[in-house]
N, C-alpha and C. Protein backbone atom coordinates (compact mmCIF):
# COMPACT_ATOMS: atom_id res chain seq x y z
N UNK A 1 10.52 139.11 114.14
CA UNK A 1 11.75 139.81 114.49
C UNK A 1 11.39 141.09 115.25
N UNK A 2 12.20 141.45 116.17
CA UNK A 2 11.98 142.63 116.99
C UNK A 2 12.29 143.91 116.21
N UNK A 3 11.66 144.99 116.60
CA UNK A 3 12.01 146.28 115.99
C UNK A 3 13.35 146.78 116.52
N UNK A 4 13.85 146.20 117.60
CA UNK A 4 15.12 146.62 118.21
C UNK A 4 16.32 145.85 117.69
N UNK A 5 16.10 144.69 117.09
CA UNK A 5 17.22 143.93 116.55
C UNK A 5 16.78 143.08 115.37
N UNK A 6 17.75 142.83 114.48
CA UNK A 6 17.54 141.98 113.32
C UNK A 6 18.77 141.09 113.16
N UNK A 7 18.54 139.86 112.75
CA UNK A 7 19.62 138.92 112.47
C UNK A 7 19.55 138.56 111.00
N UNK A 8 20.70 138.51 110.36
CA UNK A 8 20.82 138.06 108.97
C UNK A 8 21.91 137.01 108.93
N UNK A 9 21.62 135.88 108.34
CA UNK A 9 22.55 134.76 108.27
C UNK A 9 23.19 134.72 106.88
N UNK A 10 24.50 134.63 106.84
CA UNK A 10 25.24 134.45 105.59
C UNK A 10 25.97 133.11 105.71
N UNK A 11 25.30 132.05 105.28
CA UNK A 11 25.85 130.70 105.43
C UNK A 11 27.16 130.52 104.67
N UNK A 12 27.23 131.09 103.48
CA UNK A 12 28.43 130.93 102.65
C UNK A 12 29.68 131.47 103.34
N UNK A 13 29.52 132.51 104.11
CA UNK A 13 30.67 133.13 104.80
C UNK A 13 30.75 132.76 106.28
N UNK A 14 29.77 132.01 106.77
CA UNK A 14 29.77 131.65 108.18
C UNK A 14 29.59 132.87 109.07
N UNK A 15 28.71 133.78 108.64
CA UNK A 15 28.56 135.07 109.30
C UNK A 15 27.15 135.29 109.83
N UNK A 16 27.09 135.82 111.04
CA UNK A 16 25.84 136.31 111.61
C UNK A 16 25.94 137.83 111.63
N UNK A 17 25.03 138.50 110.93
CA UNK A 17 24.95 139.96 110.96
C UNK A 17 23.82 140.35 111.90
N UNK A 18 24.14 141.23 112.83
CA UNK A 18 23.14 141.70 113.79
C UNK A 18 23.06 143.21 113.68
N UNK A 19 21.85 143.74 113.63
CA UNK A 19 21.63 145.18 113.70
C UNK A 19 20.78 145.44 114.93
N UNK A 20 21.27 146.35 115.78
CA UNK A 20 20.57 146.65 117.04
C UNK A 20 20.30 148.15 117.12
N UNK A 21 19.16 148.50 117.73
CA UNK A 21 18.83 149.91 117.89
C UNK A 21 17.97 150.11 119.14
N UNK A 22 17.92 151.35 119.58
CA UNK A 22 17.03 151.70 120.67
C UNK A 22 17.60 151.47 122.05
N UNK A 23 16.70 151.49 123.01
CA UNK A 23 17.02 151.30 124.43
C UNK A 23 16.46 149.96 124.86
N UNK A 24 17.25 149.15 125.54
CA UNK A 24 16.87 147.79 125.90
C UNK A 24 16.49 147.68 127.37
N UNK A 25 15.35 147.04 127.58
CA UNK A 25 14.90 146.65 128.92
C UNK A 25 15.24 145.17 129.08
N UNK A 26 15.04 144.62 130.26
CA UNK A 26 15.37 143.22 130.52
C UNK A 26 14.67 142.27 129.54
N UNK A 27 13.40 142.55 129.22
CA UNK A 27 12.67 141.67 128.30
C UNK A 27 13.24 141.73 126.87
N UNK A 28 13.79 142.89 126.49
CA UNK A 28 14.42 143.01 125.18
C UNK A 28 15.70 142.18 125.12
N UNK A 29 16.46 142.20 126.19
CA UNK A 29 17.69 141.42 126.25
C UNK A 29 17.36 139.93 126.16
N UNK A 30 16.34 139.50 126.89
CA UNK A 30 15.93 138.09 126.85
C UNK A 30 15.47 137.70 125.44
N UNK A 31 14.71 138.56 124.79
CA UNK A 31 14.25 138.27 123.42
C UNK A 31 15.44 138.22 122.46
N UNK A 32 16.41 139.09 122.67
CA UNK A 32 17.62 139.09 121.85
C UNK A 32 18.36 137.75 121.99
N UNK A 33 18.52 137.27 123.22
CA UNK A 33 19.22 136.00 123.46
C UNK A 33 18.50 134.85 122.74
N UNK A 34 17.18 134.82 122.80
CA UNK A 34 16.43 133.76 122.13
C UNK A 34 16.58 133.86 120.61
N UNK A 35 16.53 135.07 120.08
CA UNK A 35 16.69 135.25 118.63
C UNK A 35 18.11 134.86 118.20
N UNK A 36 19.09 135.13 119.04
CA UNK A 36 20.47 134.75 118.72
C UNK A 36 20.60 133.23 118.66
N UNK A 37 19.98 132.52 119.60
CA UNK A 37 20.01 131.05 119.58
C UNK A 37 19.46 130.52 118.27
N UNK A 38 18.34 131.08 117.84
CA UNK A 38 17.71 130.66 116.59
C UNK A 38 18.62 130.95 115.39
N UNK A 39 19.21 132.13 115.37
CA UNK A 39 20.10 132.50 114.26
C UNK A 39 21.30 131.56 114.17
N UNK A 40 21.88 131.25 115.31
CA UNK A 40 23.04 130.35 115.31
C UNK A 40 22.64 128.95 114.84
N UNK A 41 21.47 128.50 115.24
CA UNK A 41 20.99 127.19 114.79
C UNK A 41 20.78 127.19 113.28
N UNK A 42 20.23 128.27 112.74
CA UNK A 42 20.00 128.38 111.29
C UNK A 42 21.30 128.42 110.51
N UNK A 43 22.34 128.97 111.12
CA UNK A 43 23.63 129.06 110.42
C UNK A 43 24.20 127.66 110.18
N UNK A 44 24.00 126.76 111.13
CA UNK A 44 24.38 125.36 110.94
C UNK A 44 25.86 125.05 111.06
N UNK A 45 26.62 125.87 111.74
CA UNK A 45 28.05 125.60 111.93
C UNK A 45 28.30 124.98 113.29
N UNK A 46 29.48 124.41 113.45
CA UNK A 46 29.90 123.91 114.76
C UNK A 46 29.97 125.09 115.73
N UNK A 47 29.83 124.83 117.01
CA UNK A 47 29.91 125.92 117.99
C UNK A 47 31.21 126.72 117.84
N UNK A 48 31.08 128.02 117.90
CA UNK A 48 32.21 128.95 117.89
C UNK A 48 32.95 129.03 116.56
N UNK A 49 32.41 128.47 115.49
CA UNK A 49 33.06 128.51 114.18
C UNK A 49 32.62 129.72 113.36
N UNK A 50 31.61 130.42 113.80
CA UNK A 50 31.05 131.53 113.04
C UNK A 50 31.78 132.85 113.35
N UNK A 51 31.49 133.85 112.52
CA UNK A 51 31.93 135.22 112.76
C UNK A 51 30.67 136.06 112.96
N UNK A 52 30.83 137.18 113.67
CA UNK A 52 29.69 138.06 113.94
C UNK A 52 30.05 139.50 113.60
N UNK A 53 29.15 140.16 112.88
CA UNK A 53 29.23 141.59 112.64
C UNK A 53 27.99 142.20 113.28
N UNK A 54 28.19 143.07 114.26
CA UNK A 54 27.09 143.67 115.00
C UNK A 54 27.09 145.17 114.79
N UNK A 55 26.06 145.68 114.12
CA UNK A 55 25.91 147.10 113.85
C UNK A 55 25.11 147.74 114.98
N UNK A 56 25.79 148.55 115.79
CA UNK A 56 25.16 149.19 116.95
C UNK A 56 24.92 150.68 116.75
N UNK A 57 25.02 151.15 115.53
CA UNK A 57 24.91 152.59 115.30
C UNK A 57 23.56 153.17 115.72
N UNK A 58 22.53 152.34 115.80
CA UNK A 58 21.22 152.82 116.22
C UNK A 58 20.94 152.66 117.70
N UNK A 59 21.92 152.17 118.45
CA UNK A 59 21.73 151.95 119.89
C UNK A 59 21.76 153.26 120.66
N UNK A 60 20.92 153.31 121.67
CA UNK A 60 20.93 154.42 122.63
C UNK A 60 21.87 154.06 123.77
N UNK A 61 22.21 155.04 124.59
CA UNK A 61 22.96 154.77 125.80
C UNK A 61 22.08 153.89 126.68
N UNK A 62 22.67 152.81 127.23
CA UNK A 62 21.91 151.80 127.97
C UNK A 62 22.09 151.98 129.48
N UNK A 63 21.15 151.42 130.23
CA UNK A 63 21.27 151.41 131.68
C UNK A 63 22.43 150.51 132.08
N UNK A 64 22.95 150.68 133.26
CA UNK A 64 24.05 149.84 133.74
C UNK A 64 23.61 148.37 133.84
N UNK A 65 22.35 148.13 134.21
CA UNK A 65 21.84 146.75 134.25
C UNK A 65 21.90 146.11 132.87
N UNK A 66 21.52 146.86 131.85
CA UNK A 66 21.56 146.33 130.49
C UNK A 66 22.99 146.11 130.03
N UNK A 67 23.87 147.03 130.34
CA UNK A 67 25.29 146.87 129.99
C UNK A 67 25.84 145.59 130.63
N UNK A 68 25.52 145.37 131.89
CA UNK A 68 25.98 144.15 132.58
C UNK A 68 25.38 142.90 131.93
N UNK A 69 24.12 142.97 131.53
CA UNK A 69 23.47 141.82 130.88
C UNK A 69 24.17 141.49 129.56
N UNK A 70 24.48 142.51 128.77
CA UNK A 70 25.17 142.26 127.50
C UNK A 70 26.61 141.79 127.74
N UNK A 71 27.23 142.25 128.79
CA UNK A 71 28.56 141.77 129.11
C UNK A 71 28.52 140.27 129.41
N UNK A 72 27.51 139.84 130.15
CA UNK A 72 27.35 138.41 130.44
C UNK A 72 27.10 137.63 129.15
N UNK A 73 26.32 138.18 128.25
CA UNK A 73 26.05 137.53 126.97
C UNK A 73 27.35 137.37 126.18
N UNK A 74 28.16 138.40 126.17
CA UNK A 74 29.41 138.36 125.40
C UNK A 74 30.44 137.40 125.98
N UNK A 75 30.35 137.11 127.25
CA UNK A 75 31.33 136.22 127.86
C UNK A 75 30.85 134.77 127.90
N UNK A 76 29.61 134.52 127.53
CA UNK A 76 29.09 133.14 127.52
C UNK A 76 29.81 132.34 126.44
N UNK A 77 30.45 131.24 126.79
CA UNK A 77 31.28 130.52 125.82
C UNK A 77 30.51 129.81 124.72
N UNK A 78 29.26 129.44 124.93
CA UNK A 78 28.56 128.62 123.94
C UNK A 78 28.26 129.33 122.63
N UNK A 79 28.23 130.66 122.61
CA UNK A 79 27.96 131.39 121.36
C UNK A 79 29.11 132.30 120.97
N UNK A 80 30.26 132.07 121.52
CA UNK A 80 31.43 132.92 121.26
C UNK A 80 31.80 132.83 119.78
N UNK A 81 31.96 133.98 119.16
CA UNK A 81 32.32 134.05 117.74
C UNK A 81 33.81 133.84 117.55
N UNK A 82 34.14 133.23 116.42
CA UNK A 82 35.56 133.09 116.05
C UNK A 82 36.18 134.46 115.84
N UNK A 83 35.43 135.35 115.21
CA UNK A 83 35.82 136.75 115.04
C UNK A 83 34.59 137.59 115.29
N UNK A 84 34.79 138.73 115.95
CA UNK A 84 33.68 139.59 116.35
C UNK A 84 34.02 141.03 116.01
N UNK A 85 33.13 141.68 115.27
CA UNK A 85 33.31 143.09 114.89
C UNK A 85 32.05 143.87 115.22
N UNK A 86 32.25 145.05 115.77
CA UNK A 86 31.15 145.96 116.07
C UNK A 86 31.31 147.22 115.24
N UNK A 87 30.18 147.75 114.78
CA UNK A 87 30.16 149.03 114.08
C UNK A 87 29.37 149.99 114.96
N UNK A 88 30.00 151.12 115.29
CA UNK A 88 29.41 152.08 116.21
C UNK A 88 29.60 153.50 115.71
N UNK A 89 28.80 154.40 116.26
CA UNK A 89 29.07 155.82 116.14
C UNK A 89 29.99 156.18 117.29
N UNK A 90 30.77 157.21 117.14
CA UNK A 90 31.63 157.64 118.25
C UNK A 90 30.80 158.49 119.21
N UNK A 91 30.26 157.83 120.21
CA UNK A 91 29.43 158.51 121.20
C UNK A 91 29.50 157.75 122.52
N UNK A 92 28.66 158.13 123.46
CA UNK A 92 28.67 157.48 124.76
C UNK A 92 28.34 156.00 124.67
N UNK A 93 27.46 155.61 123.75
CA UNK A 93 27.14 154.19 123.57
C UNK A 93 28.39 153.41 123.17
N UNK A 94 29.24 154.01 122.35
CA UNK A 94 30.49 153.35 121.97
C UNK A 94 31.39 153.18 123.19
N UNK A 95 31.40 154.18 124.06
CA UNK A 95 32.20 154.07 125.28
C UNK A 95 31.66 152.96 126.17
N UNK A 96 30.33 152.80 126.22
CA UNK A 96 29.75 151.70 126.99
C UNK A 96 30.19 150.36 126.41
N UNK A 97 30.22 150.26 125.09
CA UNK A 97 30.63 149.03 124.44
C UNK A 97 32.07 148.70 124.82
N UNK A 98 32.95 149.67 124.81
CA UNK A 98 34.35 149.43 125.19
C UNK A 98 34.43 148.79 126.57
N UNK A 99 33.66 149.28 127.52
CA UNK A 99 33.66 148.71 128.87
C UNK A 99 33.08 147.31 128.87
N UNK A 100 32.10 147.06 128.04
CA UNK A 100 31.45 145.75 127.97
C UNK A 100 32.39 144.69 127.40
N UNK A 101 33.30 145.09 126.54
CA UNK A 101 34.17 144.14 125.84
C UNK A 101 35.44 143.78 126.60
N UNK A 102 35.53 144.12 127.85
CA UNK A 102 36.75 143.86 128.62
C UNK A 102 37.19 142.41 128.50
N UNK A 103 36.26 141.48 128.52
CA UNK A 103 36.60 140.06 128.52
C UNK A 103 36.55 139.43 127.12
N UNK A 104 36.49 140.22 126.07
CA UNK A 104 36.38 139.68 124.71
C UNK A 104 37.43 140.27 123.80
N UNK A 105 37.87 139.46 122.84
CA UNK A 105 38.73 139.94 121.79
C UNK A 105 37.82 140.32 120.63
N UNK A 106 37.52 141.60 120.53
CA UNK A 106 36.65 142.10 119.48
C UNK A 106 37.23 143.39 118.95
N UNK A 107 36.83 143.74 117.75
CA UNK A 107 37.28 144.98 117.14
C UNK A 107 36.09 145.89 116.95
N UNK A 108 36.33 147.18 117.03
CA UNK A 108 35.29 148.19 116.90
C UNK A 108 35.61 149.08 115.71
N UNK A 109 34.60 149.30 114.88
CA UNK A 109 34.76 150.10 113.67
C UNK A 109 33.66 151.14 113.59
N UNK A 110 33.84 152.12 112.72
CA UNK A 110 32.81 153.15 112.53
C UNK A 110 32.09 152.98 111.20
N UNK A 111 32.45 151.94 110.42
CA UNK A 111 31.73 151.67 109.18
C UNK A 111 31.73 150.18 108.88
N UNK A 112 30.71 149.74 108.16
CA UNK A 112 30.52 148.33 107.83
C UNK A 112 31.67 147.79 106.98
N UNK A 113 32.12 148.55 105.99
CA UNK A 113 33.16 148.06 105.09
C UNK A 113 34.44 147.70 105.85
N UNK A 114 34.84 148.53 106.79
CA UNK A 114 36.05 148.23 107.59
C UNK A 114 35.86 146.99 108.44
N UNK A 115 34.66 146.85 109.03
CA UNK A 115 34.37 145.67 109.84
C UNK A 115 34.42 144.41 108.99
N UNK A 116 33.87 144.46 107.79
CA UNK A 116 33.90 143.30 106.90
C UNK A 116 35.32 142.96 106.47
N UNK A 117 36.14 143.98 106.19
CA UNK A 117 37.53 143.71 105.82
C UNK A 117 38.24 142.97 106.95
N UNK A 118 38.00 143.39 108.17
CA UNK A 118 38.59 142.72 109.33
C UNK A 118 38.11 141.27 109.43
N UNK A 119 36.82 141.07 109.32
CA UNK A 119 36.26 139.72 109.48
C UNK A 119 36.76 138.75 108.43
N UNK A 120 36.90 139.22 107.20
CA UNK A 120 37.21 138.31 106.11
C UNK A 120 38.67 138.31 105.68
N UNK A 121 39.49 139.11 106.32
CA UNK A 121 40.92 139.14 105.99
C UNK A 121 41.62 137.95 106.65
N UNK A 122 42.75 137.60 106.10
CA UNK A 122 43.59 136.59 106.74
C UNK A 122 43.94 137.09 108.13
N UNK A 123 43.60 136.34 109.14
CA UNK A 123 43.77 136.82 110.51
C UNK A 123 45.22 137.13 110.85
N UNK A 124 46.17 136.42 110.30
CA UNK A 124 47.58 136.69 110.59
C UNK A 124 48.04 138.01 110.00
N UNK A 125 47.45 138.42 108.87
CA UNK A 125 47.89 139.63 108.21
C UNK A 125 47.15 140.87 108.70
N UNK A 126 46.10 140.68 109.45
CA UNK A 126 45.25 141.80 109.89
C UNK A 126 45.83 142.47 111.13
N UNK A 127 46.10 143.77 111.09
CA UNK A 127 46.56 144.47 112.29
C UNK A 127 45.44 144.54 113.32
N UNK A 128 45.79 144.45 114.57
CA UNK A 128 44.82 144.52 115.65
C UNK A 128 44.68 145.97 116.10
N UNK A 129 43.54 146.57 115.80
CA UNK A 129 43.30 147.97 116.14
C UNK A 129 41.94 148.11 116.76
N UNK A 130 41.79 149.11 117.58
CA UNK A 130 40.49 149.52 118.08
C UNK A 130 40.08 150.70 117.19
N UNK A 131 38.81 150.82 116.90
CA UNK A 131 38.27 151.87 116.04
C UNK A 131 39.02 151.94 114.73
N UNK A 132 38.71 150.99 113.83
CA UNK A 132 39.40 150.89 112.54
C UNK A 132 38.93 151.86 111.54
């Protein structure tokens, strides 16, 4: 596993937990994509049936090339999450994430507990908010 990212699989809940930190170069993004493929395979669900919680609190502000690369990753249909939650600090990296998520229905939170409540709540009863 990379020092910049970690994946944790929760099969019982159909959840992929990702923790990301640092500054990403092109090779880091490529390694992340490969690790994500492996994590999804280990989860063992049908495509797009999983949920994702991504903790970005350790991320640095990224280059525009990296932001564009992650935007492409988020719009790729083959690994699209049924529900997607990000945990961020309120800083410039969070603002970059907002721009990256233009093409995705995702929620952004400042703590893990709020993100988990969103992911595991009845979707019809959950209010749609940014920064929960």
